[in-house]
């Protein structure tokens, strides 16, 4: 029924006191085959969700092909695990969620989509217009929506430029609190604080802490997080999910990526 939370939203919102890690795959920066390879390494290391999207260069073709490649790879490993009593089948079942740049970069095969408002954008395009354009496709495809407030923090990176965001700066704690309260009042279930892909600094922990204290939404933090110690500071401030993208793209060797992410996730929750 429309309006009732679906299985993907319940999964993402199920915070148990232990922060979880998600890998962000940008289809514009890698082939579907490489994306699938990296996702298998990440899930094996303990990642709990796959996001697919990017701020530029994505379209229906590369997003859909990437989603299909990842789903097929994970389904194959899940099936293989079910045939071996020594392997954990459940650990391979993670949602593949669209993290779209707009209505022209979607896939009907994803488990869900972050249906988001870029709350500090200065243009209607990312406040409501892309959402209006994408909603009919999403409804027809039956992709589950995850209502999310999205706030770009300094330094902002490419997403801040593309989204024409009035960046949330370090020290603007009252403003961070207001965004968190507003997101909850709108009925969003998730709040994402984003420093920007490849950011040289992550989201200020005080902004995270203020947002955490100002709402009871699931809190996601990403951008500029390159190691487990930085992730741990975000988790200690209140993050429920940590997202990494550029870190993942720096490894072509699956075994090395698995090792690095396993250490990252362990340190994040230490």
Protein backbone atom coordinates (compact mmCIF):
# COMPACT_ATOMS: atom_id res chain seq x y z
CA UNK A 1 0.00 0.00 0.00
CA UNK A 2 1.27 3.47 -0.87
CA UNK A 3 2.68 5.25 2.17
CA UNK A 4 3.56 2.16 4.21
CA UNK A 5 7.28 1.55 4.78
CA UNK A 6 8.64 -1.24 2.63
CA UNK A 7 11.33 -3.81 3.41
CA UNK A 8 14.24 -1.69 2.17
CA UNK A 9 13.27 1.32 4.26
CA UNK A 10 12.76 -0.90 7.29
CA UNK A 11 16.20 -2.40 6.72
CA UNK A 12 17.93 0.96 6.35
CA UNK A 13 16.08 2.45 9.33
CA UNK A 14 16.78 -0.51 11.61
CA UNK A 15 19.48 1.05 13.77
CA UNK A 16 20.75 -1.30 16.48
CA UNK A 17 23.53 0.78 18.03
CA UNK A 18 26.14 -0.52 15.59
CA UNK A 19 26.86 1.77 12.66
CA UNK A 20 26.77 0.28 9.19
CA UNK A 21 28.80 0.95 6.07
CA UNK A 22 27.56 1.36 2.50
CA UNK A 23 29.51 1.50 -0.72
CA UNK A 24 28.63 4.18 -3.30
CA UNK A 25 29.09 3.13 -6.93
CA UNK A 26 29.26 5.83 -9.61
CA UNK A 27 28.38 4.22 -12.97
CA UNK A 28 30.13 7.06 -14.82
CA UNK A 29 33.49 6.11 -13.31
CA UNK A 30 33.58 2.33 -13.83
CA UNK A 31 32.23 -0.46 -15.97
CA UNK A 32 29.32 -2.55 -14.70
CA UNK A 33 31.70 -5.50 -14.39
CA UNK A 34 34.16 -3.54 -12.24
CA UNK A 35 31.28 -2.20 -10.16
CA UNK A 36 30.05 -5.74 -9.49
CA UNK A 37 33.56 -6.87 -8.58
CA UNK A 38 33.98 -4.02 -6.10
CA UNK A 39 30.55 -4.61 -4.57
CA UNK A 40 31.28 -8.29 -3.98
CA UNK A 41 34.51 -7.34 -2.23
CA UNK A 42 32.71 -4.70 -0.14
CA UNK A 43 29.88 -6.97 0.95
CA UNK A 44 32.37 -9.71 1.78
CA UNK A 45 34.18 -7.16 3.98
CA UNK A 46 31.00 -6.28 5.85
CA UNK A 47 29.32 -3.49 3.86
CA UNK A 48 25.56 -3.54 4.38
CA UNK A 49 24.17 -1.63 1.39
CA UNK A 50 25.07 -0.61 -2.16
CA UNK A 51 24.20 2.87 -3.43
CA UNK A 52 24.31 3.48 -7.18
CA UNK A 53 24.50 7.01 -8.57
CA UNK A 54 26.59 10.13 -9.04
CA UNK A 55 26.30 13.87 -9.45
CA UNK A 56 27.32 13.93 -13.14
CA UNK A 57 27.73 11.54 -16.06
CA UNK A 58 25.00 9.07 -15.14
CA UNK A 59 22.02 8.13 -17.31
CA UNK A 60 19.36 5.44 -17.61
CA UNK A 61 21.74 3.21 -19.55
CA UNK A 62 24.80 3.10 -17.34
CA UNK A 63 22.78 3.16 -14.10
CA UNK A 64 20.53 0.27 -15.14
CA UNK A 65 23.39 -1.83 -16.54
CA UNK A 66 25.34 -1.31 -13.32
CA UNK A 67 22.41 -2.26 -11.11
CA UNK A 68 21.81 -5.43 -13.12
CA UNK A 69 25.49 -6.45 -12.99
CA UNK A 70 25.65 -5.96 -9.23
CA UNK A 71 22.38 -7.81 -8.58
CA UNK A 72 23.40 -10.77 -10.71
CA UNK A 73 26.81 -11.03 -9.04
CA UNK A 74 25.39 -10.88 -5.51
CA UNK A 75 22.55 -13.28 -6.34
CA UNK A 76 25.07 -15.79 -7.71
CA UNK A 77 27.16 -15.64 -4.54
CA UNK A 78 24.01 -15.86 -2.40
CA UNK A 79 22.95 -19.00 -4.25
CA UNK A 80 26.43 -20.52 -3.90
CA UNK A 81 26.37 -19.77 -0.17
CA UNK A 82 23.02 -21.52 0.18
CA UNK A 83 24.65 -24.68 -1.16
CA UNK A 84 27.49 -24.61 1.39
CA UNK A 85 26.66 -24.94 5.09
CA UNK A 86 29.95 -23.27 6.00
CA UNK A 87 29.00 -20.00 4.28
CA UNK A 88 26.59 -17.33 5.56
CA UNK A 89 23.92 -16.83 2.91
CA UNK A 90 22.23 -13.93 4.72
CA UNK A 91 25.39 -11.79 4.75
CA UNK A 92 25.22 -11.47 0.95
CA UNK A 93 21.63 -10.20 0.88
CA UNK A 94 22.01 -6.42 0.90
CA UNK A 95 19.81 -3.81 -0.81
CA UNK A 96 20.87 -2.03 -3.99
CA UNK A 97 19.55 1.51 -3.71
CA UNK A 98 19.54 4.29 -6.30
CA UNK A 99 21.23 7.53 -5.27
CA UNK A 100 20.25 9.53 -8.34
CA UNK A 101 21.51 12.79 -9.79
CA UNK A 102 18.04 13.30 -11.21
CA UNK A 103 15.08 11.77 -13.01
CA UNK A 104 17.17 10.71 -16.04
CA UNK A 105 19.40 8.30 -14.08
CA UNK A 106 17.09 5.58 -12.75
CA UNK A 107 16.64 1.82 -12.97
CA UNK A 108 13.50 -0.29 -12.48
CA UNK A 109 15.63 -3.13 -11.09
CA UNK A 110 16.86 -1.44 -7.91
CA UNK A 111 15.52 -2.44 -4.51
CA UNK A 112 14.90 1.17 -3.56
CA UNK A 113 15.65 4.81 -4.28
CA UNK A 114 16.64 7.65 -1.99
CA UNK A 115 13.75 9.94 -2.85
CA UNK A 116 15.41 13.08 -1.63
CA UNK A 117 15.13 16.81 -1.36
CA UNK A 118 18.43 18.67 -1.57
CA UNK A 119 17.30 20.87 1.28
CA UNK A 120 19.90 23.62 0.92
CA UNK A 121 19.74 23.90 -2.85
CA UNK A 122 18.97 27.39 -4.13
CA UNK A 123 17.18 26.10 -7.23
CA UNK A 124 13.73 24.47 -7.54
CA UNK A 125 15.30 21.82 -9.77
CA UNK A 126 16.65 19.82 -6.83
CA UNK A 127 14.01 20.86 -4.33
CA UNK A 128 11.02 19.51 -6.28
CA UNK A 129 11.34 19.50 -10.09
CA UNK A 130 13.50 16.37 -10.54
CA UNK A 131 11.28 14.58 -8.04
CA UNK A 132 8.17 15.48 -10.04
CA UNK A 133 9.82 14.20 -13.23
CA UNK A 134 10.92 10.92 -11.67
CA UNK A 135 7.90 10.01 -9.54
CA UNK A 136 5.76 8.48 -12.35
CA UNK A 137 8.65 6.24 -13.50
CA UNK A 138 9.35 5.15 -9.93
CA UNK A 139 5.69 4.37 -9.25
CA UNK A 140 5.27 2.43 -12.51
CA UNK A 141 8.47 0.44 -11.91
CA UNK A 142 7.49 -0.36 -8.35
CA UNK A 143 10.80 0.83 -6.90
CA UNK A 144 10.51 1.45 -3.16
CA UNK A 145 11.06 5.05 -2.10
CA UNK A 146 13.20 6.03 0.88
CA UNK A 147 12.15 9.60 1.82
CA UNK A 148 15.32 11.53 2.62
CA UNK A 149 16.48 15.03 3.45
CA UNK A 150 19.85 15.72 1.83
CA UNK A 151 22.08 18.53 3.10
CA UNK A 152 25.40 19.39 1.46
CA UNK A 153 28.04 20.56 3.92
CA UNK A 154 31.28 22.41 3.23
CA UNK A 155 33.42 21.89 1.23
CA UNK A 156 30.58 20.48 -0.92
CA UNK A 157 32.56 19.34 -3.95
CA UNK A 158 30.91 18.70 -7.28
CA UNK A 159 27.51 17.92 -5.76
CA UNK A 160 27.47 21.33 -4.10
CA UNK A 161 28.21 22.99 -7.43
CA UNK A 162 25.71 20.96 -9.46
CA UNK A 163 23.05 21.28 -6.78
CA UNK A 164 23.67 25.02 -6.37
CA UNK A 165 23.78 24.45 -2.63
CA UNK A 166 24.08 27.09 0.05
CA UNK A 167 26.63 24.99 1.91
CA UNK A 168 26.22 24.17 5.58
CA UNK A 169 29.47 25.42 7.11
CA UNK A 170 31.32 24.21 10.19
CA UNK A 171 30.07 26.03 13.25
CA UNK A 172 26.55 26.57 11.88
CA UNK A 173 25.07 24.30 14.50
CA UNK A 174 21.76 26.15 14.80
CA UNK A 175 21.28 25.82 11.06
CA UNK A 176 22.11 22.10 11.21
CA UNK A 177 19.52 21.67 13.95
CA UNK A 178 16.93 23.50 11.87
CA UNK A 179 17.55 21.26 8.86
CA UNK A 180 17.18 18.15 11.03
CA UNK A 181 13.95 19.41 12.59
CA UNK A 182 12.59 20.39 9.18
CA UNK A 183 13.43 17.00 7.67
CA UNK A 184 11.56 15.24 10.44
CA UNK A 185 8.62 17.63 10.17
CA UNK A 186 8.37 16.92 6.43
CA UNK A 187 8.06 13.23 7.24
CA UNK A 188 11.43 12.18 5.84
CA UNK A 189 12.81 8.98 7.35
CA UNK A 190 16.48 9.56 6.56
CA UNK A 191 18.81 12.56 6.81
CA UNK A 192 22.04 12.59 4.82
CA UNK A 193 24.85 15.03 5.64
CA UNK A 194 27.20 15.12 2.63
CA UNK A 195 30.61 16.81 2.40
CA UNK A 196 30.90 16.03 -1.32
CA UNK A 197 32.54 13.24 -3.27
CA UNK A 198 36.31 13.41 -2.87
CA UNK A 199 36.07 16.21 -0.30
CA UNK A 200 39.35 17.12 1.36
CA UNK A 201 37.61 17.31 4.75
CA UNK A 202 34.62 15.35 6.10
CA UNK A 203 31.46 16.72 7.68
CA UNK A 204 32.22 18.55 10.93
CA UNK A 205 31.42 16.11 13.80
CA UNK A 206 29.69 18.93 15.68
CA UNK A 207 27.21 19.31 12.82
CA UNK A 208 26.56 15.57 12.98
CA UNK A 209 26.11 15.69 16.75
CA UNK A 210 23.72 18.64 16.52
CA UNK A 211 21.63 16.92 13.82
CA UNK A 212 21.53 13.72 15.89
CA UNK A 213 20.28 15.61 18.94
CA UNK A 214 17.64 17.47 16.89
CA UNK A 215 15.78 14.58 15.23
CA UNK A 216 15.15 10.85 15.50
CA UNK A 217 15.77 10.13 11.83
CA UNK A 218 18.28 7.61 10.52
CA UNK A 219 21.44 9.69 10.05
CA UNK A 220 23.71 9.05 7.06
CA UNK A 221 27.10 10.73 6.63
CA UNK A 222 29.42 10.70 3.62
CA UNK A 223 32.11 12.60 1.77
CA UNK A 224 35.78 12.96 2.69
CA UNK A 225 35.85 9.80 4.82
CA UNK A 226 38.95 7.88 3.80
CA UNK A 227 39.80 5.79 6.86
CA UNK A 228 38.18 4.01 9.75
CA UNK A 229 39.32 6.52 12.36
CA UNK A 230 37.53 9.36 10.54
CA UNK A 231 34.45 7.17 10.19
CA UNK A 232 34.58 6.39 13.92
CA UNK A 233 34.50 10.10 14.78
CA UNK A 234 31.36 10.48 12.66
CA UNK A 235 29.79 7.44 14.35
CA UNK A 236 30.66 8.76 17.81
CA UNK A 237 28.93 12.00 16.84
CA UNK A 238 25.77 10.11 15.93
CA UNK A 239 25.98 8.71 12.38
CA UNK A 240 24.04 5.49 11.76
CA UNK A 241 25.49 4.90 8.29
CA UNK A 242 28.85 5.80 6.77
CA UNK A 243 29.09 6.06 2.98
CA UNK A 244 32.33 5.77 1.01
CA UNK A 245 32.76 6.08 -2.75
CA UNK A 246 36.12 7.45 -3.83
CA UNK A 247 37.93 5.14 -1.42
CA UNK A 248 36.40 2.15 -3.16
CA UNK A 249 37.22 3.42 -6.64
CA UNK A 250 40.92 3.60 -5.78
CA UNK A 251 41.17 -0.21 -5.78
CA UNK A 252 40.94 -2.47 -8.81
CA UNK A 253 42.16 -5.52 -6.91
CA UNK A 254 39.19 -7.11 -5.16
CA UNK A 255 41.24 -8.84 -2.48
CA UNK A 256 42.99 -5.61 -1.53
CA UNK A 257 39.69 -3.71 -1.46
CA UNK A 258 38.15 -6.37 0.75
CA UNK A 259 41.08 -6.17 3.17
CA UNK A 260 40.98 -2.36 3.35
CA UNK A 261 37.20 -2.18 3.86
CA UNK A 262 37.22 -4.93 6.47
CA UNK A 263 39.80 -2.98 8.48
CA UNK A 264 37.86 0.27 7.84
CA UNK A 265 34.59 -1.17 9.17
CA UNK A 266 36.29 -2.79 12.17
CA UNK A 267 37.96 0.49 13.13
CA UNK A 268 34.74 2.42 12.51
CA UNK A 269 32.96 0.37 15.18
CA UNK A 270 35.86 -0.13 17.57
